[in-house]
C-alpha atoms as a PDB file:
ATOM      1  CA  UNK A   1       0.000   0.000   0.000  1.00  0.00           C
ATOM      2  CA  UNK A   2       2.852   2.367   0.761  1.00  0.00           C
ATOM      3  CA  UNK A   3       4.147   1.633  -2.655  1.00  0.00           C
ATOM      4  CA  UNK A   4       0.873   2.713  -4.236  1.00  0.00           C
ATOM      5  CA  UNK A   5       0.797   5.972  -2.331  1.00  0.00           C
ATOM      6  CA  UNK A   6       4.422   6.692  -3.161  1.00  0.00           C
ATOM      7  CA  UNK A   7       3.670   6.472  -6.866  1.00  0.00           C
ATOM      8  CA  UNK A   8       1.940   9.762  -7.568  1.00  0.00           C
ATOM      9  CA  UNK A   9       0.623  10.321 -11.012  1.00  0.00           C
ATOM     10  CA  UNK A  10       2.356  13.154 -12.800  1.00  0.00           C
ATOM     11  CA  UNK A  11       0.727  15.464 -15.323  1.00  0.00           C
ATOM     12  CA  UNK A  12      -1.375  18.601 -15.543  1.00  0.00           C
ATOM     13  CA  UNK A  13      -4.541  19.178 -13.626  1.00  0.00           C
ATOM     14  CA  UNK A  14      -7.693  20.377 -15.336  1.00  0.00           C
ATOM     15  CA  UNK A  15      -7.268  23.859 -13.848  1.00  0.00           C
ATOM     16  CA  UNK A  16      -3.713  24.179 -15.172  1.00  0.00           C
ATOM     17  CA  UNK A  17      -4.882  23.174 -18.654  1.00  0.00           C
ATOM     18  CA  UNK A  18      -7.748  25.692 -18.556  1.00  0.00           C
ATOM     19  CA  UNK A  19      -5.426  28.516 -17.444  1.00  0.00           C
ATOM     20  CA  UNK A  20      -2.983  27.651 -20.247  1.00  0.00           C
ATOM     21  CA  UNK A  21      -5.832  27.650 -22.809  1.00  0.00           C
ATOM     22  CA  UNK A  22      -7.094  31.019 -21.526  1.00  0.00           C
ATOM     23  CA  UNK A  23      -3.617  32.538 -21.899  1.00  0.00           C
ATOM     24  CA  UNK A  24      -3.324  31.044 -25.376  1.00  0.00           C
ATOM     25  CA  UNK A  25      -6.720  32.509 -26.342  1.00  0.00           C
ATOM     26  CA  UNK A  26      -5.720  36.003 -25.169  1.00  0.00           C
ATOM     27  CA  UNK A  27      -2.467  35.811 -27.131  1.00  0.00           C
ATOM     28  CA  UNK A  28      -4.310  34.568 -30.237  1.00  0.00           C
ATOM     29  CA  UNK A  29      -6.819  37.442 -30.090  1.00  0.00           C
ATOM     30  CA  UNK A  30      -4.027  40.002 -29.676  1.00  0.00           C
ATOM     31  CA  UNK A  31      -2.090  38.521 -32.601  1.00  0.00           C
ATOM     32  CA  UNK A  32      -5.230  38.522 -34.737  1.00  0.00           C
ATOM     33  CA  UNK A  33      -5.910  42.203 -34.002  1.00  0.00           C
ATOM     34  CA  UNK A  34      -2.297  43.154 -34.692  1.00  0.00           C
ATOM     35  CA  UNK A  35      -2.283  41.352 -38.028  1.00  0.00           C
ATOM     36  CA  UNK A  36      -5.618  42.922 -38.960  1.00  0.00           C
ATOM     37  CA  UNK A  37      -4.273  46.406 -38.195  1.00  0.00           C
ATOM     38  CA  UNK A  38      -1.140  45.659 -40.215  1.00  0.00           C
ATOM     39  CA  UNK A  39      -3.154  44.488 -43.238  1.00  0.00           C
ATOM     40  CA  UNK A  40      -5.379  47.562 -42.992  1.00  0.00           C
ATOM     41  CA  UNK A  41      -2.388  49.933 -42.951  1.00  0.00           C
ATOM     42  CA  UNK A  42      -0.830  48.112 -45.917  1.00  0.00           C
ATOM     43  CA  UNK A  43      -4.079  48.552 -47.861  1.00  0.00           C
ATOM     44  CA  UNK A  44      -4.261  52.260 -46.991  1.00  0.00           C
ATOM     45  CA  UNK A  45      -0.645  52.808 -48.097  1.00  0.00           C
ATOM     46  CA  UNK A  46      -1.199  50.851 -51.318  1.00  0.00           C
ATOM     47  CA  UNK A  47      -4.319  52.875 -52.150  1.00  0.00           C
ATOM     48  CA  UNK A  48      -2.506  56.141 -51.418  1.00  0.00           C
ATOM     49  CA  UNK A  49       0.474  55.143 -53.578  1.00  0.00           C
ATOM     50  CA  UNK A  50      -1.716  54.078 -56.502  1.00  0.00           C
ATOM     51  CA  UNK A  51      -3.757  57.294 -56.229  1.00  0.00           C
ATOM     52  CA  UNK A  52      -0.546  59.318 -56.342  1.00  0.00           C
ATOM     53  CA  UNK A  53       0.492  57.424 -59.495  1.00  0.00           C
ATOM     54  CA  UNK A  54      -2.886  58.290 -61.052  1.00  0.00           C
ATOM     55  CA  UNK A  55      -2.475  61.988 -60.155  1.00  0.00           C
ATOM     56  CA  UNK A  56       1.087  62.054 -61.534  1.00  0.00           C
ATOM     57  CA  UNK A  57      -0.102  60.395 -64.764  1.00  0.00           C
ATOM     58  CA  UNK A  58      -2.849  63.011 -65.214  1.00  0.00           C
ATOM     59  CA  UNK A  59      -0.340  65.810 -64.572  1.00  0.00           C
ATOM     60  CA  UNK A  60       2.064  64.291 -67.113  1.00  0.00           C
ATOM     61  CA  UNK A  61      -0.737  63.998 -69.687  1.00  0.00           C
ATOM     62  CA  UNK A  62      -1.631  67.666 -69.201  1.00  0.00           C
ATOM     63  CA  UNK A  63       1.990  68.720 -69.668  1.00  0.00           C
ATOM     64  CA  UNK A  64       2.726  66.421 -72.627  1.00  0.00           C
ATOM     65  CA  UNK A  65      -0.430  67.297 -74.531  1.00  0.00           C
ATOM     66  CA  UNK A  66      -0.063  70.948 -73.512  1.00  0.00           C
ATOM     67  CA  UNK A  67      -3.719  70.959 -72.568  1.00  0.00           C
ATOM     68  CA  UNK A  68      -5.165  74.307 -71.561  1.00  0.00           C
ATOM     69  CA  UNK A  69      -7.106  73.664 -68.372  1.00  0.00           C
ATOM     70  CA  UNK A  70      -9.474  76.560 -67.755  1.00  0.00           C
ATOM     71  CA  UNK A  71     -12.427  75.056 -65.898  1.00  0.00           C
ATOM     72  CA  UNK A  72     -12.913  72.715 -62.998  1.00  0.00           C
ATOM     73  CA  UNK A  73     -13.668  69.144 -64.001  1.00  0.00           C
ATOM     74  CA  UNK A  74     -14.511  65.791 -62.493  1.00  0.00           C
ATOM     75  CA  UNK A  75     -13.914  62.506 -64.242  1.00  0.00           C
ATOM     76  CA  UNK A  76     -14.020  58.821 -63.455  1.00  0.00           C
ATOM     77  CA  UNK A  77     -11.284  56.604 -64.799  1.00  0.00           C
ATOM     78  CA  UNK A  78     -10.021  53.073 -64.460  1.00  0.00           C
ATOM     79  CA  UNK A  79      -6.305  52.945 -63.788  1.00  0.00           C
ATOM     80  CA  UNK A  80      -3.891  50.824 -61.749  1.00  0.00           C
ATOM     81  CA  UNK A  81      -6.522  48.096 -61.598  1.00  0.00           C
ATOM     82  CA  UNK A  82      -9.026  50.269 -59.737  1.00  0.00           C
ATOM     83  CA  UNK A  83     -11.646  52.884 -60.391  1.00  0.00           C
ATOM     84  CA  UNK A  84     -10.870  56.481 -59.385  1.00  0.00           C
ATOM     85  CA  UNK A  85     -12.584  59.836 -59.289  1.00  0.00           C
ATOM     86  CA  UNK A  86     -10.299  62.661 -60.370  1.00  0.00           C
ATOM     87  CA  UNK A  87     -11.259  66.243 -59.548  1.00  0.00           C
ATOM     88  CA  UNK A  88      -9.270  69.058 -61.174  1.00  0.00           C
ATOM     89  CA  UNK A  89      -9.704  72.505 -59.662  1.00  0.00           C
ATOM     90  CA  UNK A  90      -8.287  75.477 -61.572  1.00  0.00           C
ATOM     91  CA  UNK A  91      -7.309  78.712 -59.839  1.00  0.00           C
ATOM     92  CA  UNK A  92      -5.171  81.741 -60.502  1.00  0.00           C
ATOM     93  CA  UNK A  93      -1.630  81.635 -59.226  1.00  0.00           C
ATOM     94  CA  UNK A  94      -0.252  83.781 -56.450  1.00  0.00           C
ATOM     95  CA  UNK A  95       1.865  85.511 -59.109  1.00  0.00           C
ATOM     96  CA  UNK A  96      -0.206  88.521 -60.244  1.00  0.00           C
ATOM     97  CA  UNK A  97       2.237  89.445 -63.020  1.00  0.00           C
ATOM     98  CA  UNK A  98       1.381  86.343 -65.029  1.00  0.00           C
ATOM     99  CA  UNK A  99      -2.324  85.755 -65.746  1.00  0.00           C
ATOM    100  CA  UNK A 100      -1.417  83.045 -68.267  1.00  0.00           C
ATOM    101  CA  UNK A 101      -0.280  80.737 -65.460  1.00  0.00           C
ATOM    102  CA  UNK A 102      -2.958  78.677 -63.788  1.00  0.00           C
ATOM    103  CA  UNK A 103      -2.637  76.462 -60.763  1.00  0.00           C
ATOM    104  CA  UNK A 104      -4.382  73.113 -61.152  1.00  0.00           C
ATOM    105  CA  UNK A 105      -5.097  70.975 -58.093  1.00  0.00           C
ATOM    106  CA  UNK A 106      -5.554  67.293 -58.963  1.00  0.00           C
ATOM    107  CA  UNK A 107      -7.410  65.373 -56.262  1.00  0.00           C
ATOM    108  CA  UNK A 108      -7.816  61.589 -56.554  1.00  0.00           C
ATOM    109  CA  UNK A 109     -10.300  59.462 -54.601  1.00  0.00           C
ATOM    110  CA  UNK A 110     -10.900  55.726 -54.908  1.00  0.00           C
ATOM    111  CA  UNK A 111     -14.306  54.409 -55.926  1.00  0.00           C
ATOM    112  CA  UNK A 112     -15.168  51.297 -53.935  1.00  0.00           C
ATOM    113  CA  UNK A 113     -18.468  49.482 -54.508  1.00  0.00           C
ATOM    114  CA  UNK A 114     -19.698  52.399 -56.686  1.00  0.00           C
ATOM    115  CA  UNK A 115     -19.178  54.838 -53.790  1.00  0.00           C
ATOM    116  CA  UNK A 116     -16.626  57.626 -53.972  1.00  0.00           C
ATOM    117  CA  UNK A 117     -14.428  57.592 -50.889  1.00  0.00           C
ATOM    118  CA  UNK A 118     -12.416  60.419 -49.367  1.00  0.00           C
ATOM    119  CA  UNK A 119      -9.614  61.836 -51.548  1.00  0.00           C
ATOM    120  CA  UNK A 120      -6.331  60.147 -50.704  1.00  0.00           C
ATOM    121  CA  UNK A 121      -3.934  62.390 -52.624  1.00  0.00           C
ATOM    122  CA  UNK A 122      -3.716  65.972 -53.879  1.00  0.00           C
ATOM    123  CA  UNK A 123      -1.067  67.471 -56.118  1.00  0.00           C
ATOM    124  CA  UNK A 124      -0.736  70.987 -57.502  1.00  0.00           C
ATOM    125  CA  UNK A 125       0.740  71.796 -60.900  1.00  0.00           C
ATOM    126  CA  UNK A 126       1.271  75.022 -62.812  1.00  0.00           C
ATOM    127  CA  UNK A 127      -0.043  75.180 -66.358  1.00  0.00           C
ATOM    128  CA  UNK A 128       0.851  77.922 -68.811  1.00  0.00           C
ATOM    129  CA  UNK A 129      -1.572  79.022 -71.510  1.00  0.00           C
ATOM    130  CA  UNK A 130       0.621  79.297 -74.607  1.00  0.00           C
ATOM    131  CA  UNK A 131      -1.952  81.512 -76.371  1.00  0.00           C
ATOM    132  CA  UNK A 132      -1.559  84.254 -73.774  1.00  0.00           C
ATOM    133  CA  UNK A 133       1.501  86.352 -73.172  1.00  0.00           C
ATOM    134  CA  UNK A 134       3.082  85.090 -69.982  1.00  0.00           C
ATOM    135  CA  UNK A 135       4.979  88.332 -69.559  1.00  0.00           C
ATOM    136  CA  UNK A 136       8.199  88.566 -67.703  1.00  0.00           C
ATOM    137  CA  UNK A 137       8.639  87.843 -64.087  1.00  0.00           C
ATOM    138  CA  UNK A 138      11.356  89.501 -62.041  1.00  0.00           C
ATOM    139  CA  UNK A 139      12.184  87.324 -59.060  1.00  0.00           C
ATOM    140  CA  UNK A 140      15.399  89.160 -58.188  1.00  0.00           C
ATOM    141  CA  UNK A 141      13.731  91.217 -55.457  1.00  0.00           C
ATOM    142  CA  UNK A 142      11.631  88.405 -54.006  1.00  0.00           C
ATOM    143  CA  UNK A 143      12.851  86.253 -51.126  1.00  0.00           C
ATOM    144  CA  UNK A 144      11.785  82.652 -50.450  1.00  0.00           C
ATOM    145  CA  UNK A 145       8.885  83.780 -48.270  1.00  0.00           C
ATOM    146  CA  UNK A 146       7.519  85.986 -51.040  1.00  0.00           C
ATOM    147  CA  UNK A 147       8.282  89.324 -49.348  1.00  0.00           C
ATOM    148  CA  UNK A 148      10.208  92.051 -51.162  1.00  0.00           C
ATOM    149  CA  UNK A 149      13.755  92.624 -50.012  1.00  0.00           C
END
């Protein structure tokens, strides 16, 4: 009988197993949330990068074709494997001596499930109207902040 009592069974109790499973569950949930956040940030960065490519391509097309952009416009296009809404806003430049220069803001927003999302990139370009006299611009007396010296 002493021999039977001396031989204790070794192993884990039910409580120890349940505590280990609870810790494992908490770690699994945390890892799942971290990987979900990582995948979401990768998707946001990818969308932003592709939108910037679309905006740069539109700006290059305007410059290459020497298009005169005079009015605001909105267009939908399929590029980079996605659908995008491109909004071009035309305004006068801060340079009053040259009315032939126009500032064009190109804003690109993804279209997901036929809904236009928030714009993810904006770029500004200067466009010169070749039909107008651009005049001469004297920048010798202008500092970087735009104030006269």
